[in-house]
Amino acid sequence: MPRILPPLLLISDDRVLADQARQLLTYNALECTVLTTSSDCSKAPLCRWLKDAPLNHSGRVHALLGEAVEVLERTRHAFRSSELGRLRKRLEQALGELPPPDD
């Protein structure tokens, strides 16, 4: 069974270093997301990699549901379970129905 690897992610609050990393990655044709600010994160405002502030209860619920959906999506071909597919859809729906987290 092939291993499913998570996407590469490089996080640095040093913009010059991040720009150099982007250039090297592009030159070597490596796919990698480089974050320098929390607004770069596709999960903003839930992205806390570049912030020290802890998530509140609502934020933790959103992050946990989002992580569960991502894992189910990434592994859907490995398990081929209709039950897991239905669970993923229910979690996505629940995530969409929740009010946005407060910072």
PDB file of N, CA and C in Angstrom:
ATOM      1  N   MET A   1       0.841  -1.168   0.000  1.00  0.00           N
ATOM      2  CA  MET A   1       0.000   0.000   0.000  1.00  0.00           C
ATOM      3  C   MET A   1       0.895   1.243   0.000  1.00  0.00           C
ATOM      4  N   PRO A   2       0.639   2.199  -0.915  1.00  0.00           N
ATOM      5  CA  PRO A   2       1.479   3.396  -0.968  1.00  0.00           C
ATOM      6  C   PRO A   2       1.246   4.266   0.256  1.00  0.00           C
ATOM      7  N   ARG A   3       2.324   4.891   0.712  1.00  0.00           N
ATOM      8  CA  ARG A   3       2.226   5.807   1.841  1.00  0.00           C
ATOM      9  C   ARG A   3       1.690   7.143   1.365  1.00  0.00           C
ATOM     10  N   ILE A   4       0.805   7.716   2.138  1.00  0.00           N
ATOM     11  CA  ILE A   4       0.270   9.029   1.821  1.00  0.00           C
ATOM     12  C   ILE A   4       1.034  10.036   2.666  1.00  0.00           C
ATOM     13  N   LEU A   5       1.779  10.896   1.997  1.00  0.00           N
ATOM     14  CA  LEU A   5       2.585  11.881   2.702  1.00  0.00           C
ATOM     15  C   LEU A   5       1.839  13.200   2.796  1.00  0.00           C
ATOM     16  N   PRO A   6       1.945  13.885   3.927  1.00  0.00           N
ATOM     17  CA  PRO A   6       1.313  15.190   4.028  1.00  0.00           C
ATOM     18  C   PRO A   6       2.057  16.190   3.149  1.00  0.00           C
ATOM     19  N   PRO A   7       1.366  17.252   2.705  1.00  0.00           N
ATOM     20  CA  PRO A   7       2.057  18.259   1.892  1.00  0.00           C
ATOM     21  C   PRO A   7       3.143  18.948   2.714  1.00  0.00           C
ATOM     22  N   LEU A   8       4.205  19.352   2.036  1.00  0.00           N
ATOM     23  CA  LEU A   8       5.302  20.036   2.717  1.00  0.00           C
ATOM     24  C   LEU A   8       4.897  21.460   3.067  1.00  0.00           C
ATOM     25  N   LEU A   9       5.306  21.884   4.245  1.00  0.00           N
ATOM     26  CA  LEU A   9       4.975  23.205   4.728  1.00  0.00           C
ATOM     27  C   LEU A   9       6.187  23.782   5.439  1.00  0.00           C
ATOM     28  N   LEU A  10       6.619  24.942   5.006  1.00  0.00           N
ATOM     29  CA  LEU A  10       7.752  25.629   5.628  1.00  0.00           C
ATOM     30  C   LEU A  10       7.230  26.912   6.250  1.00  0.00           C
ATOM     31  N   ILE A  11       7.541  27.124   7.526  1.00  0.00           N
ATOM     32  CA  ILE A  11       7.027  28.273   8.253  1.00  0.00           C
ATOM     33  C   ILE A  11       8.201  29.067   8.815  1.00  0.00           C
ATOM     34  N   SER A  12       8.245  30.355   8.476  1.00  0.00           N
ATOM     35  CA  SER A  12       9.309  31.214   8.969  1.00  0.00           C
ATOM     36  C   SER A  12       8.783  32.635   9.089  1.00  0.00           C
ATOM     37  N   ASP A  13       9.083  33.290  10.195  1.00  0.00           N
ATOM     38  CA  ASP A  13       8.680  34.692  10.310  1.00  0.00           C
ATOM     39  C   ASP A  13       9.752  35.627   9.757  1.00  0.00           C
ATOM     40  N   ASP A  14      10.805  35.052   9.189  1.00  0.00           N
ATOM     41  CA  ASP A  14      11.875  35.826   8.536  1.00  0.00           C
ATOM     42  C   ASP A  14      11.573  35.867   7.038  1.00  0.00           C
ATOM     43  N   ARG A  15      11.071  37.003   6.564  1.00  0.00           N
ATOM     44  CA  ARG A  15      10.628  37.108   5.169  1.00  0.00           C
ATOM     45  C   ARG A  15      11.767  36.892   4.171  1.00  0.00           C
ATOM     46  N   VAL A  16      12.966  37.389   4.452  1.00  0.00           N
ATOM     47  CA  VAL A  16      14.108  37.222   3.547  1.00  0.00           C
ATOM     48  C   VAL A  16      14.445  35.736   3.415  1.00  0.00           C
ATOM     49  N   LEU A  17      14.520  35.054   4.529  1.00  0.00           N
ATOM     50  CA  LEU A  17      14.808  33.619   4.516  1.00  0.00           C
ATOM     51  C   LEU A  17      13.699  32.849   3.787  1.00  0.00           C
ATOM     52  N   ALA A  18      12.457  33.237   4.007  1.00  0.00           N
ATOM     53  CA  ALA A  18      11.331  32.573   3.339  1.00  0.00           C
ATOM     54  C   ALA A  18      11.403  32.777   1.828  1.00  0.00           C
ATOM     55  N   ASP A  19      11.756  33.995   1.388  1.00  0.00           N
ATOM     56  CA  ASP A  19      11.891  34.264  -0.050  1.00  0.00           C
ATOM     57  C   ASP A  19      13.012  33.420  -0.664  1.00  0.00           C
ATOM     58  N   GLN A  20      14.127  33.291   0.044  1.00  0.00           N
ATOM     59  CA  GLN A  20      15.227  32.451  -0.441  1.00  0.00           C
ATOM     60  C   GLN A  20      14.775  30.991  -0.541  1.00  0.00           C
ATOM     61  N   ALA A  21      14.034  30.538   0.450  1.00  0.00           N
ATOM     62  CA  ALA A  21      13.540  29.156   0.434  1.00  0.00           C
ATOM     63  C   ALA A  21      12.598  28.942  -0.751  1.00  0.00           C
ATOM     64  N   ARG A  22      11.706  29.902  -1.010  1.00  0.00           N
ATOM     65  CA  ARG A  22      10.792  29.797  -2.152  1.00  0.00           C
ATOM     66  C   ARG A  22      11.570  29.663  -3.455  1.00  0.00           C
ATOM     67  N   GLN A  23      12.609  30.489  -3.621  1.00  0.00           N
ATOM     68  CA  GLN A  23      13.415  30.441  -4.833  1.00  0.00           C
ATOM     69  C   GLN A  23      14.094  29.081  -5.000  1.00  0.00           C
ATOM     70  N   LEU A  24      14.676  28.572  -3.925  1.00  0.00           N
ATOM     71  CA  LEU A  24      15.336  27.259  -3.992  1.00  0.00           C
ATOM     72  C   LEU A  24      14.340  26.145  -4.295  1.00  0.00           C
ATOM     73  N   LEU A  25      13.186  26.202  -3.675  1.00  0.00           N
ATOM     74  CA  LEU A  25      12.159  25.183  -3.902  1.00  0.00           C
ATOM     75  C   LEU A  25      11.674  25.224  -5.343  1.00  0.00           C
ATOM     76  N   THR A  26      11.446  26.433  -5.857  1.00  0.00           N
ATOM     77  CA  THR A  26      11.004  26.584  -7.246  1.00  0.00           C
ATOM     78  C   THR A  26      12.083  26.095  -8.208  1.00  0.00           C
ATOM     79  N   TYR A  27      13.313  26.487  -7.956  1.00  0.00           N
ATOM     80  CA  TYR A  27      14.428  26.080  -8.812  1.00  0.00           C
ATOM     81  C   TYR A  27      14.548  24.555  -8.869  1.00  0.00           C
ATOM     82  N   ASN A  28      14.314  23.892  -7.750  1.00  0.00           N
ATOM     83  CA  ASN A  28      14.428  22.435  -7.682  1.00  0.00           C
ATOM     84  C   ASN A  28      13.103  21.719  -7.934  1.00  0.00           C
ATOM     85  N   ALA A  29      12.099  22.466  -8.371  1.00  0.00           N
ATOM     86  CA  ALA A  29      10.777  21.924  -8.699  1.00  0.00           C
ATOM     87  C   ALA A  29      10.178  21.115  -7.551  1.00  0.00           C
ATOM     88  N   LEU A  30      10.320  21.631  -6.338  1.00  0.00           N
ATOM     89  CA  LEU A  30       9.738  20.984  -5.166  1.00  0.00           C
ATOM     90  C   LEU A  30       8.485  21.743  -4.758  1.00  0.00           C
ATOM     91  N   GLU A  31       7.403  21.010  -4.526  1.00  0.00           N
ATOM     92  CA  GLU A  31       6.171  21.649  -4.085  1.00  0.00           C
ATOM     93  C   GLU A  31       6.200  21.806  -2.581  1.00  0.00           C
ATOM     94  N   CYS A  32       6.035  23.034  -2.134  1.00  0.00           N
ATOM     95  CA  CYS A  32       6.065  23.328  -0.707  1.00  0.00           C
ATOM     96  C   CYS A  32       5.384  24.670  -0.490  1.00  0.00           C
ATOM     97  N   THR A  33       4.548  24.753   0.530  1.00  0.00           N
ATOM     98  CA  THR A  33       3.937  26.012   0.898  1.00  0.00           C
ATOM     99  C   THR A  33       4.842  26.700   1.905  1.00  0.00           C
ATOM    100  N   VAL A  34       5.108  27.981   1.670  1.00  0.00           N
ATOM    101  CA  VAL A  34       5.957  28.758   2.573  1.00  0.00           C
ATOM    102  C   VAL A  34       5.089  29.834   3.219  1.00  0.00           C
ATOM    103  N   LEU A  35       5.013  29.813   4.533  1.00  0.00           N
ATOM    104  CA  LEU A  35       4.233  30.795   5.279  1.00  0.00           C
ATOM    105  C   LEU A  35       5.168  31.744   6.014  1.00  0.00           C
ATOM    106  N   THR A  36       4.859  33.028   5.937  1.00  0.00           N
ATOM    107  CA  THR A  36       5.634  34.005   6.700  1.00  0.00           C
ATOM    108  C   THR A  36       4.755  34.795   7.658  1.00  0.00           C
ATOM    109  N   THR A  37       3.466  34.843   7.374  1.00  0.00           N
ATOM    110  CA  THR A  37       2.512  35.485   8.277  1.00  0.00           C
ATOM    111  C   THR A  37       1.290  34.595   8.403  1.00  0.00           C
ATOM    112  N   SER A  38       0.530  34.781   9.460  1.00  0.00           N
ATOM    113  CA  SER A  38      -0.647  33.936   9.651  1.00  0.00           C
ATOM    114  C   SER A  38      -1.668  34.147   8.545  1.00  0.00           C
ATOM    115  N   SER A  39      -1.682  35.312   7.899  1.00  0.00           N
ATOM    116  CA  SER A  39      -2.626  35.549   6.804  1.00  0.00           C
ATOM    117  C   SER A  39      -2.266  34.742   5.557  1.00  0.00           C
ATOM    118  N   ASP A  40      -1.029  34.227   5.462  1.00  0.00           N
ATOM    119  CA  ASP A  40      -0.634  33.368   4.344  1.00  0.00           C
ATOM    120  C   ASP A  40      -1.293  31.994   4.446  1.00  0.00           C
ATOM    121  N   CYS A  41      -1.719  31.650   5.635  1.00  0.00           N
ATOM    122  CA  CYS A  41      -2.252  30.315   5.891  1.00  0.00           C
ATOM    123  C   CYS A  41      -3.636  30.173   5.269  1.00  0.00           C
ATOM    124  N   SER A  42      -3.866  29.074   4.585  1.00  0.00           N
ATOM    125  CA  SER A  42      -5.169  28.831   3.960  1.00  0.00           C
ATOM    126  C   SER A  42      -6.253  28.612   4.996  1.00  0.00           C
ATOM    127  N   LYS A  43      -5.876  28.358   6.231  1.00  0.00           N
ATOM    128  CA  LYS A  43      -6.838  28.112   7.298  1.00  0.00           C
ATOM    129  C   LYS A  43      -7.075  29.356   8.157  1.00  0.00           C
ATOM    130  N   ALA A  44      -6.538  30.509   7.750  1.00  0.00           N
ATOM    131  CA  ALA A  44      -6.713  31.733   8.545  1.00  0.00           C
ATOM    132  C   ALA A  44      -8.203  31.952   8.760  1.00  0.00           C
ATOM    133  N   PRO A  45      -8.679  32.351   9.929  1.00  0.00           N
ATOM    134  CA  PRO A  45      -7.938  32.764  11.110  1.00  0.00           C
ATOM    135  C   PRO A  45      -7.596  31.625  12.070  1.00  0.00           C
ATOM    136  N   LEU A  46      -7.835  30.373  11.679  1.00  0.00           N
ATOM    137  CA  LEU A  46      -7.524  29.266  12.589  1.00  0.00           C
ATOM    138  C   LEU A  46      -6.049  28.920  12.612  1.00  0.00           C
ATOM    139  N   CYS A  47      -5.292  29.419  11.659  1.00  0.00           N
ATOM    140  CA  CYS A  47      -3.869  29.109  11.589  1.00  0.00           C
ATOM    141  C   CYS A  47      -3.144  29.775  12.753  1.00  0.00           C
ATOM    142  N   ARG A  48      -2.498  28.996  13.584  1.00  0.00           N
ATOM    143  CA  ARG A  48      -1.811  29.534  14.757  1.00  0.00           C
ATOM    144  C   ARG A  48      -0.308  29.294  14.696  1.00  0.00           C
ATOM    145  N   TRP A  49       0.213  28.894  13.541  1.00  0.00           N
ATOM    146  CA  TRP A  49       1.638  28.589  13.455  1.00  0.00           C
ATOM    147  C   TRP A  49       2.496  29.810  13.733  1.00  0.00           C
ATOM    148  N   LEU A  50       2.014  30.969  13.356  1.00  0.00           N
ATOM    149  CA  LEU A  50       2.808  32.178  13.521  1.00  0.00           C
ATOM    150  C   LEU A  50       2.239  33.102  14.588  1.00  0.00           C
ATOM    151  N   LYS A  51       1.349  32.589  15.411  1.00  0.00           N
ATOM    152  CA  LYS A  51       0.768  33.365  16.498  1.00  0.00           C
ATOM    153  C   LYS A  51       0.977  32.602  17.796  1.00  0.00           C
ATOM    154  N   ASP A  52       1.140  33.326  18.874  1.00  0.00           N
ATOM    155  CA  ASP A  52       1.276  32.700  20.177  1.00  0.00           C
ATOM    156  C   ASP A  52      -0.059  32.498  20.872  1.00  0.00           C
ATOM    157  N   ALA A  53      -1.096  33.192  20.406  1.00  0.00           N
ATOM    158  CA  ALA A  53      -2.385  33.136  21.083  1.00  0.00           C
ATOM    159  C   ALA A  53      -3.010  31.747  20.967  1.00  0.00           C
ATOM    160  N   PRO A  54      -3.466  31.191  22.091  1.00  0.00           N
ATOM    161  CA  PRO A  54      -4.126  29.889  22.037  1.00  0.00           C
ATOM    162  C   PRO A  54      -5.533  30.033  21.456  1.00  0.00           C
ATOM    163  N   LEU A  55      -6.031  28.961  20.889  1.00  0.00           N
ATOM    164  CA  LEU A  55      -7.397  28.958  20.368  1.00  0.00           C
ATOM    165  C   LEU A  55      -8.389  28.925  21.524  1.00  0.00           C
ATOM    166  N   ASN A  56      -9.524  29.611  21.347  1.00  0.00           N
ATOM    167  CA  ASN A  56     -10.589  29.486  22.329  1.00  0.00           C
ATOM    168  C   ASN A  56     -11.358  28.193  22.033  1.00  0.00           C
ATOM    169  N   HIS A  57     -12.403  27.922  22.815  1.00  0.00           N
ATOM    170  CA  HIS A  57     -13.136  26.653  22.661  1.00  0.00           C
ATOM    171  C   HIS A  57     -13.697  26.495  21.242  1.00  0.00           C
ATOM    172  N   SER A  58     -14.323  27.551  20.724  1.00  0.00           N
ATOM    173  CA  SER A  58     -14.896  27.501  19.382  1.00  0.00           C
ATOM    174  C   SER A  58     -13.814  27.255  18.328  1.00  0.00           C
ATOM    175  N   GLY A  59     -12.679  27.918  18.488  1.00  0.00           N
ATOM    176  CA  GLY A  59     -11.567  27.726  17.561  1.00  0.00           C
ATOM    177  C   GLY A  59     -11.029  26.316  17.593  1.00  0.00           C
ATOM    178  N   ARG A  60     -10.949  25.740  18.793  1.00  0.00           N
ATOM    179  CA  ARG A  60     -10.462  24.354  18.916  1.00  0.00           C
ATOM    180  C   ARG A  60     -11.411  23.379  18.235  1.00  0.00           C
ATOM    181  N   VAL A  61     -12.729  23.612  18.390  1.00  0.00           N
ATOM    182  CA  VAL A  61     -13.719  22.741  17.734  1.00  0.00           C
ATOM    183  C   VAL A  61     -13.592  22.842  16.223  1.00  0.00           C
ATOM    184  N   HIS A  62     -13.477  24.069  15.705  1.00  0.00           N
ATOM    185  CA  HIS A  62     -13.303  24.264  14.258  1.00  0.00           C
ATOM    186  C   HIS A  62     -12.028  23.578  13.772  1.00  0.00           C
ATOM    187  N   ALA A  63     -10.937  23.787  14.479  1.00  0.00           N
ATOM    188  CA  ALA A  63      -9.668  23.194  14.065  1.00  0.00           C
ATOM    189  C   ALA A  63      -9.730  21.676  14.096  1.00  0.00           C
ATOM    190  N   LEU A  64     -10.338  21.117  15.125  1.00  0.00           N
ATOM    191  CA  LEU A  64     -10.441  19.662  15.246  1.00  0.00           C
ATOM    192  C   LEU A  64     -11.305  19.073  14.137  1.00  0.00           C
ATOM    193  N   LEU A  65     -12.452  19.691  13.876  1.00  0.00           N
ATOM    194  CA  LEU A  65     -13.307  19.214  12.788  1.00  0.00           C
ATOM    195  C   LEU A  65     -12.609  19.346  11.440  1.00  0.00           C
ATOM    196  N   GLY A  66     -11.935  20.458  11.238  1.00  0.00           N
ATOM    197  CA  GLY A  66     -11.207  20.660   9.985  1.00  0.00           C
ATOM    198  C   GLY A  66     -10.112  19.630   9.800  1.00  0.00           C
ATOM    199  N   GLU A  67      -9.386  19.325  10.865  1.00  0.00           N
ATOM    200  CA  GLU A  67      -8.331  18.316  10.793  1.00  0.00           C
ATOM    201  C   GLU A  67      -8.912  16.939  10.493  1.00  0.00           C
ATOM    202  N   ALA A  68     -10.029  16.600  11.130  1.00  0.00           N
ATOM    203  CA  ALA A  68     -10.664  15.299  10.882  1.00  0.00           C
ATOM    204  C   ALA A  68     -11.105  15.180   9.429  1.00  0.00           C
ATOM    205  N   VAL A  69     -11.693  16.236   8.893  1.00  0.00           N
ATOM    206  CA  VAL A  69     -12.132  16.224   7.493  1.00  0.00           C
ATOM    207  C   VAL A  69     -10.927  16.060   6.573  1.00  0.00           C
ATOM    208  N   GLU A  70      -9.839  16.771   6.853  1.00  0.00           N
ATOM    209  CA  GLU A  70      -8.631  16.662   6.020  1.00  0.00           C
ATOM    210  C   GLU A  70      -8.058  15.246   6.037  1.00  0.00           C
ATOM    211  N   VAL A  71      -8.004  14.631   7.202  1.00  0.00           N
ATOM    212  CA  VAL A  71      -7.473  13.265   7.305  1.00  0.00           C
ATOM    213  C   VAL A  71      -8.363  12.297   6.538  1.00  0.00           C
ATOM    214  N   LEU A  72      -9.663  12.424   6.694  1.00  0.00           N
ATOM    215  CA  LEU A  72     -10.584  11.545   5.967  1.00  0.00           C
ATOM    216  C   LEU A  72     -10.465  11.753   4.467  1.00  0.00           C
ATOM    217  N   GLU A  73     -10.291  12.989   4.033  1.00  0.00           N
ATOM    218  CA  GLU A  73     -10.140  13.277   2.602  1.00  0.00           C
ATOM    219  C   GLU A  73      -8.835  12.699   2.059  1.00  0.00           C
ATOM    220  N   ARG A  74      -7.727  12.899   2.798  1.00  0.00           N
ATOM    221  CA  ARG A  74      -6.424  12.402   2.333  1.00  0.00           C
ATOM    222  C   ARG A  74      -6.379  10.880   2.273  1.00  0.00           C
ATOM    223  N   THR A  75      -7.103  10.211   3.148  1.00  0.00           N
ATOM    224  CA  THR A  75      -7.012   8.752   3.235  1.00  0.00           C
ATOM    225  C   THR A  75      -8.182   8.039   2.580  1.00  0.00           C
ATOM    226  N   ARG A  76      -9.039   8.770   1.884  1.00  0.00           N
ATOM    227  CA  ARG A  76     -10.247   8.141   1.335  1.00  0.00           C
ATOM    228  C   ARG A  76      -9.940   7.055   0.312  1.00  0.00           C
ATOM    229  N   HIS A  77      -8.856   7.193  -0.443  1.00  0.00           N
ATOM    230  CA  HIS A  77      -8.513   6.167  -1.430  1.00  0.00           C
ATOM    231  C   HIS A  77      -7.875   4.945  -0.766  1.00  0.00           C
ATOM    232  N   ALA A  78      -7.261   5.141   0.376  1.00  0.00           N
ATOM    233  CA  ALA A  78      -6.604   4.031   1.065  1.00  0.00           C
ATOM    234  C   ALA A  78      -7.614   3.091   1.706  1.00  0.00           C
ATOM    235  N   PHE A  79      -8.729   3.640   2.191  1.00  0.00           N
ATOM    236  CA  PHE A  79      -9.678   2.806   2.927  1.00  0.00           C
ATOM    237  C   PHE A  79     -10.928   2.457   2.142  1.00  0.00           C
ATOM    238  N   ARG A  80     -11.313   3.263   1.177  1.00  0.00           N
ATOM    239  CA  ARG A  80     -12.486   3.003   0.337  1.00  0.00           C
ATOM    240  C   ARG A  80     -13.704   2.576   1.163  1.00  0.00           C
ATOM    241  N   SER A  81     -14.004   3.345   2.162  1.00  0.00           N
ATOM    242  CA  SER A  81     -15.130   3.038   3.038  1.00  0.00           C
ATOM    243  C   SER A  81     -16.240   4.045   2.809  1.00  0.00           C
ATOM    244  N   SER A  82     -17.417   3.548   2.457  1.00  0.00           N
ATOM    245  CA  SER A  82     -18.549   4.455   2.271  1.00  0.00           C
ATOM    246  C   SER A  82     -18.967   5.071   3.607  1.00  0.00           C
ATOM    247  N   GLU A  83     -18.781   4.333   4.685  1.00  0.00           N
ATOM    248  CA  GLU A  83     -19.108   4.878   6.011  1.00  0.00           C
ATOM    249  C   GLU A  83     -18.213   6.067   6.350  1.00  0.00           C
ATOM    250  N   LEU A  84     -16.908   5.932   6.070  1.00  0.00           N
ATOM    251  CA  LEU A  84     -15.994   7.042   6.328  1.00  0.00           C
ATOM    252  C   LEU A  84     -16.314   8.233   5.422  1.00  0.00           C
ATOM    253  N   GLY A  85     -16.730   7.955   4.204  1.00  0.00           N
ATOM    254  CA  GLY A  85     -17.122   9.027   3.290  1.00  0.00           C
ATOM    255  C   GLY A  85     -18.339   9.781   3.801  1.00  0.00           C
ATOM    256  N   ARG A  86     -19.311   9.047   4.312  1.00  0.00           N
ATOM    257  CA  ARG A  86     -20.505   9.689   4.873  1.00  0.00           C
ATOM    258  C   ARG A  86     -20.139  10.497   6.121  1.00  0.00           C
ATOM    259  N   LEU A  87     -19.248   9.944   6.945  1.00  0.00           N
ATOM    260  CA  LEU A  87     -18.795  10.661   8.136  1.00  0.00           C
ATOM    261  C   LEU A  87     -18.101  11.964   7.746  1.00  0.00           C
ATOM    262  N   ARG A  88     -17.238  11.902   6.734  1.00  0.00           N
ATOM    263  CA  ARG A  88     -16.547  13.107   6.277  1.00  0.00           C
ATOM    264  C   ARG A  88     -17.548  14.164   5.832  1.00  0.00           C
ATOM    265  N   LYS A  89     -18.552  13.765   5.082  1.00  0.00           N
ATOM    266  CA  LYS A  89     -19.556  14.725   4.613  1.00  0.00           C
ATOM    267  C   LYS A  89     -20.348  15.315   5.781  1.00  0.00           C
ATOM    268  N   ARG A  90     -20.679  14.491   6.776  1.00  0.00           N
ATOM    269  CA  ARG A  90     -21.405  15.004   7.945  1.00  0.00           C
ATOM    270  C   ARG A  90     -20.543  15.992   8.734  1.00  0.00           C
ATOM    271  N   LEU A  91     -19.247  15.676   8.861  1.00  0.00           N
ATOM    272  CA  LEU A  91     -18.346  16.587   9.568  1.00  0.00           C
ATOM    273  C   LEU A  91     -18.195  17.899   8.809  1.00  0.00           C
ATOM    274  N   GLU A  92     -18.082  17.824   7.474  1.00  0.00           N
ATOM    275  CA  GLU A  92     -17.986  19.048   6.669  1.00  0.00           C
ATOM    276  C   GLU A  92     -19.242  19.895   6.838  1.00  0.00           C
ATOM    277  N   GLN A  93     -20.402  19.234   6.856  1.00  0.00           N
ATOM    278  CA  GLN A  93     -21.662  19.961   7.024  1.00  0.00           C
ATOM    279  C   GLN A  93     -21.719  20.608   8.408  1.00  0.00           C
ATOM    280  N   ALA A  94     -21.339  19.866   9.436  1.00  0.00           N
ATOM    281  CA  ALA A  94     -21.340  20.409  10.800  1.00  0.00           C
ATOM    282  C   ALA A  94     -20.377  21.593  10.896  1.00  0.00           C
ATOM    283  N   LEU A  95     -19.240  21.491  10.260  1.00  0.00           N
ATOM    284  CA  LEU A  95     -18.265  22.586  10.280  1.00  0.00           C
ATOM    285  C   LEU A  95     -18.841  23.829   9.602  1.00  0.00           C
ATOM    286  N   GLY A  96     -19.561  23.622   8.509  1.00  0.00           N
ATOM    287  CA  GLY A  96     -20.182  24.743   7.805  1.00  0.00           C
ATOM    288  C   GLY A  96     -21.322  25.387   8.577  1.00  0.00           C
ATOM    289  N   GLU A  97     -21.981  24.616   9.447  1.00  0.00           N
ATOM    290  CA  GLU A  97     -23.097  25.149  10.217  1.00  0.00           C
ATOM    291  C   GLU A  97     -22.666  25.867  11.488  1.00  0.00           C
ATOM    292  N   LEU A  98     -21.455  25.621  11.951  1.00  0.00           N
ATOM    293  CA  LEU A  98     -20.974  26.276  13.162  1.00  0.00           C
ATOM    294  C   LEU A  98     -20.725  27.752  12.915  1.00  0.00           C
ATOM    295  N   PRO A  99     -20.970  28.583  13.911  1.00  0.00           N
ATOM    296  CA  PRO A  99     -20.613  29.990  13.744  1.00  0.00           C
ATOM    297  C   PRO A  99     -19.098  30.126  13.674  1.00  0.00           C
ATOM    298  N   PRO A 100     -18.594  31.159  13.011  1.00  0.00           N
ATOM    299  CA  PRO A 100     -17.144  31.327  12.911  1.00  0.00           C
ATOM    300  C   PRO A 100     -16.528  31.486  14.294  1.00  0.00           C
ATOM    301  N   PRO A 101     -15.303  30.992  14.471  1.00  0.00           N
ATOM    302  CA  PRO A 101     -14.652  31.107  15.790  1.00  0.00           C
ATOM    303  C   PRO A 101     -14.299  32.549  16.096  1.00  0.00           C
ATOM    304  N   ASP A 102     -14.358  32.870  17.370  1.00  0.00           N
ATOM    305  CA  ASP A 102     -13.931  34.198  17.834  1.00  0.00           C
ATOM    306  C   ASP A 102     -12.463  34.142  18.176  1.00  0.00           C
ATOM    307  N   ASP A 103     -11.739  35.197  17.868  1.00  0.00           N
ATOM    308  CA  ASP A 103     -10.316  35.246  18.243  1.00  0.00           C
ATOM    309  C   ASP A 103     -10.156  35.805  19.627  1.00  0.00           C
TER     310      ASP A 103
END
